[in-house]
Amino acid sequence: KEGTPEAVPLSPNARMMVRFAIDH
């Protein structure tokens, strides 16, 4: 929404949850 494209780090907890959300 504001600014330029951005790479956002995922915390270990977020990474685990994102992996589960993505599934296959």
PDB file of all heavy atoms in Angstrom:
ATOM      1  N   LYS A   1       0.831  -1.203   0.000  1.00  0.00           N
ATOM      2  CA  LYS A   1       0.000   0.000   0.000  1.00  0.00           C
ATOM      3  C   LYS A   1       0.866   1.253   0.000  1.00  0.00           C
ATOM      4  O   LYS A   1       0.562   2.231  -0.656  1.00  0.00           O
ATOM      5  CB  LYS A   1      -0.927  -0.010   1.210  1.00  0.00           C
ATOM      6  CG  LYS A   1      -1.874   1.148   1.257  1.00  0.00           C
ATOM      7  CD  LYS A   1      -2.816   1.042   2.422  1.00  0.00           C
ATOM      8  CE  LYS A   1      -3.708   2.269   2.479  1.00  0.00           C
ATOM      9  NZ  LYS A   1      -4.578   2.276   3.618  1.00  0.00           N
ATOM     10  N   GLU A   2       1.949   1.202   0.753  1.00  0.00           N
ATOM     11  CA  GLU A   2       2.870   2.340   0.813  1.00  0.00           C
ATOM     12  C   GLU A   2       4.278   1.843   0.539  1.00  0.00           C
ATOM     13  O   GLU A   2       4.700   0.829   1.077  1.00  0.00           O
ATOM     14  CB  GLU A   2       2.824   2.986   2.192  1.00  0.00           C
ATOM     15  CG  GLU A   2       1.492   3.600   2.529  1.00  0.00           C
ATOM     16  CD  GLU A   2       1.464   4.230   3.900  1.00  0.00           C
ATOM     17  OE1 GLU A   2       2.515   4.303   4.566  1.00  0.00           O
ATOM     18  OE2 GLU A   2       0.374   4.651   4.298  1.00  0.00           O
ATOM     19  N   GLY A   3       5.003   2.552  -0.297  1.00  0.00           N
ATOM     20  CA  GLY A   3       6.413   2.229  -0.479  1.00  0.00           C
ATOM     21  C   GLY A   3       6.697   1.294  -1.634  1.00  0.00           C
ATOM     22  O   GLY A   3       5.887   1.105  -2.531  1.00  0.00           O
ATOM     23  N   THR A   4       7.872   0.718  -1.564  1.00  0.00           N
ATOM     24  CA  THR A   4       8.368  -0.146  -2.626  1.00  0.00           C
ATOM     25  C   THR A   4       8.206  -1.609  -2.243  1.00  0.00           C
ATOM     26  O   THR A   4       7.971  -1.930  -1.081  1.00  0.00           O
ATOM     27  CB  THR A   4       9.859   0.160  -2.880  1.00  0.00           C
ATOM     28  OG1 THR A   4      10.564  -0.052  -1.656  1.00  0.00           O
ATOM     29  CG2 THR A   4      10.063   1.583  -3.346  1.00  0.00           C
ATOM     30  N   PRO A   5       8.350  -2.527  -3.206  1.00  0.00           N
ATOM     31  CA  PRO A   5       8.256  -3.951  -2.876  1.00  0.00           C
ATOM     32  C   PRO A   5       9.156  -4.296  -1.702  1.00  0.00           C
ATOM     33  O   PRO A   5      10.226  -3.718  -1.521  1.00  0.00           O
ATOM     34  CB  PRO A   5       8.726  -4.640  -4.158  1.00  0.00           C
ATOM     35  CG  PRO A   5       8.406  -3.655  -5.236  1.00  0.00           C
ATOM     36  CD  PRO A   5       8.626  -2.301  -4.609  1.00  0.00           C
ATOM     37  N   GLU A   6       8.697  -5.248  -0.912  1.00  0.00           N
ATOM     38  CA  GLU A   6       9.362  -5.501   0.349  1.00  0.00           C
ATOM     39  C   GLU A   6       9.434  -6.997   0.654  1.00  0.00           C
ATOM     40  O   GLU A   6       8.443  -7.708   0.529  1.00  0.00           O
ATOM     41  CB  GLU A   6       8.574  -4.783   1.439  1.00  0.00           C
ATOM     42  CG  GLU A   6       9.154  -4.856   2.791  1.00  0.00           C
ATOM     43  CD  GLU A   6       8.368  -3.992   3.781  1.00  0.00           C
ATOM     44  OE1 GLU A   6       7.412  -3.304   3.411  1.00  0.00           O
ATOM     45  OE2 GLU A   6       8.753  -4.035   4.957  1.00  0.00           O
ATOM     46  N   ALA A   7      10.619  -7.459   1.055  1.00  0.00           N
ATOM     47  CA  ALA A   7      10.787  -8.827   1.552  1.00  0.00           C
ATOM     48  C   ALA A   7      10.651  -8.759   3.067  1.00  0.00           C
ATOM     49  O   ALA A   7      11.358  -8.020   3.731  1.00  0.00           O
ATOM     50  CB  ALA A   7      12.148  -9.379   1.162  1.00  0.00           C
ATOM     51  N   VAL A   8       9.712  -9.516   3.586  1.00  0.00           N
ATOM     52  CA  VAL A   8       9.396  -9.474   5.008  1.00  0.00           C
ATOM     53  C   VAL A   8       9.857 -10.770   5.668  1.00  0.00           C
ATOM     54  O   VAL A   8       9.460 -11.865   5.240  1.00  0.00           O
ATOM     55  CB  VAL A   8       7.876  -9.304   5.211  1.00  0.00           C
ATOM     56  CG1 VAL A   8       7.535  -9.250   6.676  1.00  0.00           C
ATOM     57  CG2 VAL A   8       7.384  -8.080   4.471  1.00  0.00           C
ATOM     58  N   PRO A   9      10.700 -10.682   6.703  1.00  0.00           N
ATOM     59  CA  PRO A   9      11.144 -11.912   7.371  1.00  0.00           C
ATOM     60  C   PRO A   9      10.006 -12.552   8.160  1.00  0.00           C
ATOM     61  O   PRO A   9       9.158 -11.864   8.721  1.00  0.00           O
ATOM     62  CB  PRO A   9      12.255 -11.431   8.315  1.00  0.00           C
ATOM     63  CG  PRO A   9      12.029  -9.978   8.481  1.00  0.00           C
ATOM     64  CD  PRO A   9      11.295  -9.484   7.272  1.00  0.00           C
ATOM     65  N   LEU A  10       9.994 -13.874   8.171  1.00  0.00           N
ATOM     66  CA  LEU A  10       9.018 -14.631   8.946  1.00  0.00           C
ATOM     67  C   LEU A  10       9.695 -15.165  10.198  1.00  0.00           C
ATOM     68  O   LEU A  10      10.761 -15.767  10.115  1.00  0.00           O
ATOM     69  CB  LEU A  10       8.468 -15.807   8.135  1.00  0.00           C
ATOM     70  CG  LEU A  10       7.739 -15.481   6.842  1.00  0.00           C
ATOM     71  CD1 LEU A  10       7.379 -16.767   6.100  1.00  0.00           C
ATOM     72  CD2 LEU A  10       6.496 -14.646   7.110  1.00  0.00           C
ATOM     73  N   SER A  11       9.081 -14.944  11.335  1.00  0.00           N
ATOM     74  CA  SER A  11       9.603 -15.518  12.579  1.00  0.00           C
ATOM     75  C   SER A  11       9.471 -17.042  12.504  1.00  0.00           C
ATOM     76  O   SER A  11       8.715 -17.559  11.671  1.00  0.00           O
ATOM     77  CB  SER A  11       8.810 -14.982  13.773  1.00  0.00           C
ATOM     78  OG  SER A  11       7.488 -15.506  13.755  1.00  0.00           O
ATOM     79  N   PRO A  12      10.184 -17.773  13.336  1.00  0.00           N
ATOM     80  CA  PRO A  12      10.046 -19.232  13.322  1.00  0.00           C
ATOM     81  C   PRO A  12       8.596 -19.687  13.515  1.00  0.00           C
ATOM     82  O   PRO A  12       8.132 -20.604  12.828  1.00  0.00           O
ATOM     83  CB  PRO A  12      10.938 -19.693  14.469  1.00  0.00           C
ATOM     84  CG  PRO A  12      11.995 -18.626  14.554  1.00  0.00           C
ATOM     85  CD  PRO A  12      11.261 -17.339  14.234  1.00  0.00           C
ATOM     86  N   ASN A  13       7.865 -19.030  14.415  1.00  0.00           N
ATOM     87  CA  ASN A  13       6.463 -19.394  14.636  1.00  0.00           C
ATOM     88  C   ASN A  13       5.627 -19.103  13.392  1.00  0.00           C
ATOM     89  O   ASN A  13       4.814 -19.924  12.969  1.00  0.00           O
ATOM     90  CB  ASN A  13       5.903 -18.649  15.848  1.00  0.00           C
ATOM     91  CG  ASN A  13       4.502 -19.088  16.200  1.00  0.00           C
ATOM     92  OD1 ASN A  13       4.169 -20.267  16.143  1.00  0.00           O
ATOM     93  ND2 ASN A  13       3.676 -18.138  16.569  1.00  0.00           N
ATOM     94  N   ALA A  14       5.828 -17.928  12.794  1.00  0.00           N
ATOM     95  CA  ALA A  14       5.089 -17.561  11.583  1.00  0.00           C
ATOM     96  C   ALA A  14       5.421 -18.520  10.447  1.00  0.00           C
ATOM     97  O   ALA A  14       4.528 -18.949   9.707  1.00  0.00           O
ATOM     98  CB  ALA A  14       5.400 -16.126  11.183  1.00  0.00           C
ATOM     99  N   ARG A  15       6.675 -18.871  10.309  1.00  0.00           N
ATOM    100  CA  ARG A  15       7.093 -19.792   9.241  1.00  0.00           C
ATOM    101  C   ARG A  15       6.385 -21.138   9.383  1.00  0.00           C
ATOM    102  O   ARG A  15       5.877 -21.690   8.411  1.00  0.00           O
ATOM    103  CB  ARG A  15       8.601 -19.982   9.279  1.00  0.00           C
ATOM    104  CG  ARG A  15       9.120 -20.892   8.189  1.00  0.00           C
ATOM    105  CD  ARG A  15      10.654 -20.940   8.229  1.00  0.00           C
ATOM    106  NE  ARG A  15      11.151 -21.762   7.177  1.00  0.00           N
ATOM    107  CZ  ARG A  15      11.707 -22.958   7.366  1.00  0.00           C
ATOM    108  NH1 ARG A  15      11.845 -23.443   8.585  1.00  0.00           N
ATOM    109  NH2 ARG A  15      12.138 -23.655   6.346  1.00  0.00           N
ATOM    110  N   MET A  16       6.320 -21.655  10.614  1.00  0.00           N
ATOM    111  CA  MET A  16       5.656 -22.928  10.854  1.00  0.00           C
ATOM    112  C   MET A  16       4.165 -22.829  10.511  1.00  0.00           C
ATOM    113  O   MET A  16       3.596 -23.707   9.861  1.00  0.00           O
ATOM    114  CB  MET A  16       5.835 -23.329  12.314  1.00  0.00           C
ATOM    115  CG  MET A  16       5.138 -24.617  12.684  1.00  0.00           C
ATOM    116  SD  MET A  16       5.189 -24.915  14.465  1.00  0.00           S
ATOM    117  CE  MET A  16       4.163 -23.577  15.072  1.00  0.00           C
ATOM    118  N   MET A  17       3.539 -21.736  10.921  1.00  0.00           N
ATOM    119  CA  MET A  17       2.118 -21.557  10.658  1.00  0.00           C
ATOM    120  C   MET A  17       1.847 -21.365   9.171  1.00  0.00           C
ATOM    121  O   MET A  17       0.870 -21.896   8.635  1.00  0.00           O
ATOM    122  CB  MET A  17       1.576 -20.380  11.466  1.00  0.00           C
ATOM    123  CG  MET A  17       1.545 -20.652  12.963  1.00  0.00           C
ATOM    124  SD  MET A  17       0.959 -19.238  13.936  1.00  0.00           S
ATOM    125  CE  MET A  17      -0.818 -19.365  13.634  1.00  0.00           C
ATOM    126  N   VAL A  18       2.704 -20.607   8.484  1.00  0.00           N
ATOM    127  CA  VAL A  18       2.536 -20.401   7.045  1.00  0.00           C
ATOM    128  C   VAL A  18       2.692 -21.731   6.307  1.00  0.00           C
ATOM    129  O   VAL A  18       1.909 -22.041   5.399  1.00  0.00           O
ATOM    130  CB  VAL A  18       3.524 -19.343   6.512  1.00  0.00           C
ATOM    131  CG1 VAL A  18       3.582 -19.347   4.994  1.00  0.00           C
ATOM    132  CG2 VAL A  18       3.162 -17.968   7.038  1.00  0.00           C
ATOM    133  N   ARG A  19       3.658 -22.531   6.700  1.00  0.00           N
ATOM    134  CA  ARG A  19       3.850 -23.839   6.070  1.00  0.00           C
ATOM    135  C   ARG A  19       2.561 -24.664   6.186  1.00  0.00           C
ATOM    136  O   ARG A  19       2.115 -25.287   5.226  1.00  0.00           O
ATOM    137  CB  ARG A  19       5.017 -24.591   6.699  1.00  0.00           C
ATOM    138  CG  ARG A  19       5.277 -25.953   6.052  1.00  0.00           C
ATOM    139  CD  ARG A  19       6.396 -26.722   6.739  1.00  0.00           C
ATOM    140  NE  ARG A  19       7.649 -26.026   6.790  1.00  0.00           N
ATOM    141  CZ  ARG A  19       8.551 -25.977   5.811  1.00  0.00           C
ATOM    142  NH1 ARG A  19       8.330 -26.615   4.687  1.00  0.00           N
ATOM    143  NH2 ARG A  19       9.680 -25.319   5.973  1.00  0.00           N
ATOM    144  N   PHE A  20       1.956 -24.656   7.369  1.00  0.00           N
ATOM    145  CA  PHE A  20       0.722 -25.392   7.588  1.00  0.00           C
ATOM    146  C   PHE A  20      -0.408 -24.817   6.735  1.00  0.00           C
ATOM    147  O   PHE A  20      -1.199 -25.555   6.154  1.00  0.00           O
ATOM    148  CB  PHE A  20       0.348 -25.370   9.082  1.00  0.00           C
ATOM    149  CG  PHE A  20      -0.883 -26.153   9.402  1.00  0.00           C
ATOM    150  CD1 PHE A  20      -0.831 -27.528   9.527  1.00  0.00           C
ATOM    151  CD2 PHE A  20      -2.096 -25.504   9.579  1.00  0.00           C
ATOM    152  CE1 PHE A  20      -1.971 -28.263   9.825  1.00  0.00           C
ATOM    153  CE2 PHE A  20      -3.244 -26.215   9.879  1.00  0.00           C
ATOM    154  CZ  PHE A  20      -3.180 -27.601   9.996  1.00  0.00           C
ATOM    155  N   ALA A  21      -0.502 -23.479   6.653  1.00  0.00           N
ATOM    156  CA  ALA A  21      -1.562 -22.827   5.880  1.00  0.00           C
ATOM    157  C   ALA A  21      -1.441 -23.135   4.387  1.00  0.00           C
ATOM    158  O   ALA A  21      -2.450 -23.336   3.711  1.00  0.00           O
ATOM    159  CB  ALA A  21      -1.531 -21.318   6.106  1.00  0.00           C
ATOM    160  N   ILE A  22      -0.220 -23.176   3.898  1.00  0.00           N
ATOM    161  CA  ILE A  22      -0.005 -23.440   2.472  1.00  0.00           C
ATOM    162  C   ILE A  22      -0.320 -24.888   2.144  1.00  0.00           C
ATOM    163  O   ILE A  22      -0.906 -25.184   1.107  1.00  0.00           O
ATOM    164  CB  ILE A  22       1.441 -23.090   2.057  1.00  0.00           C
ATOM    165  CG1 ILE A  22       1.630 -21.583   2.095  1.00  0.00           C
ATOM    166  CG2 ILE A  22       1.774 -23.646   0.679  1.00  0.00           C
ATOM    167  CD1 ILE A  22       3.060 -21.130   1.842  1.00  0.00           C
ATOM    168  N   ASP A  23       0.089 -25.800   3.042  1.00  0.00           N
ATOM    169  CA  ASP A  23      -0.106 -27.233   2.841  1.00  0.00           C
ATOM    170  C   ASP A  23       0.509 -27.618   1.490  1.00  0.00           C
ATOM    171  O   ASP A  23       1.693 -27.409   1.297  1.00  0.00           O
ATOM    172  CB  ASP A  23      -1.587 -27.580   2.959  1.00  0.00           C
ATOM    173  CG  ASP A  23      -1.836 -29.069   3.081  1.00  0.00           C
ATOM    174  OD1 ASP A  23      -0.937 -29.797   3.565  1.00  0.00           O
ATOM    175  OD2 ASP A  23      -2.940 -29.519   2.705  1.00  0.00           O
ATOM    176  N   HIS A  24      -0.268 -28.129   0.579  1.00  0.00           N
ATOM    177  CA  HIS A  24       0.262 -28.550  -0.726  1.00  0.00           C
ATOM    178  C   HIS A  24      -0.126 -27.593  -1.847  1.00  0.00           C
ATOM    179  O   HIS A  24       0.082 -27.898  -3.021  1.00  0.00           O
ATOM    180  CB  HIS A  24      -0.219 -29.963  -1.069  1.00  0.00           C
ATOM    181  CG  HIS A  24       0.267 -31.003  -0.113  1.00  0.00           C
ATOM    182  ND1 HIS A  24       1.601 -31.177   0.177  1.00  0.00           N
ATOM    183  CD2 HIS A  24      -0.393 -31.901   0.641  1.00  0.00           C
ATOM    184  CE1 HIS A  24       1.744 -32.146   1.054  1.00  0.00           C
ATOM    185  NE2 HIS A  24       0.545 -32.610   1.368  1.00  0.00           N
TER     186      HIS A  24
END
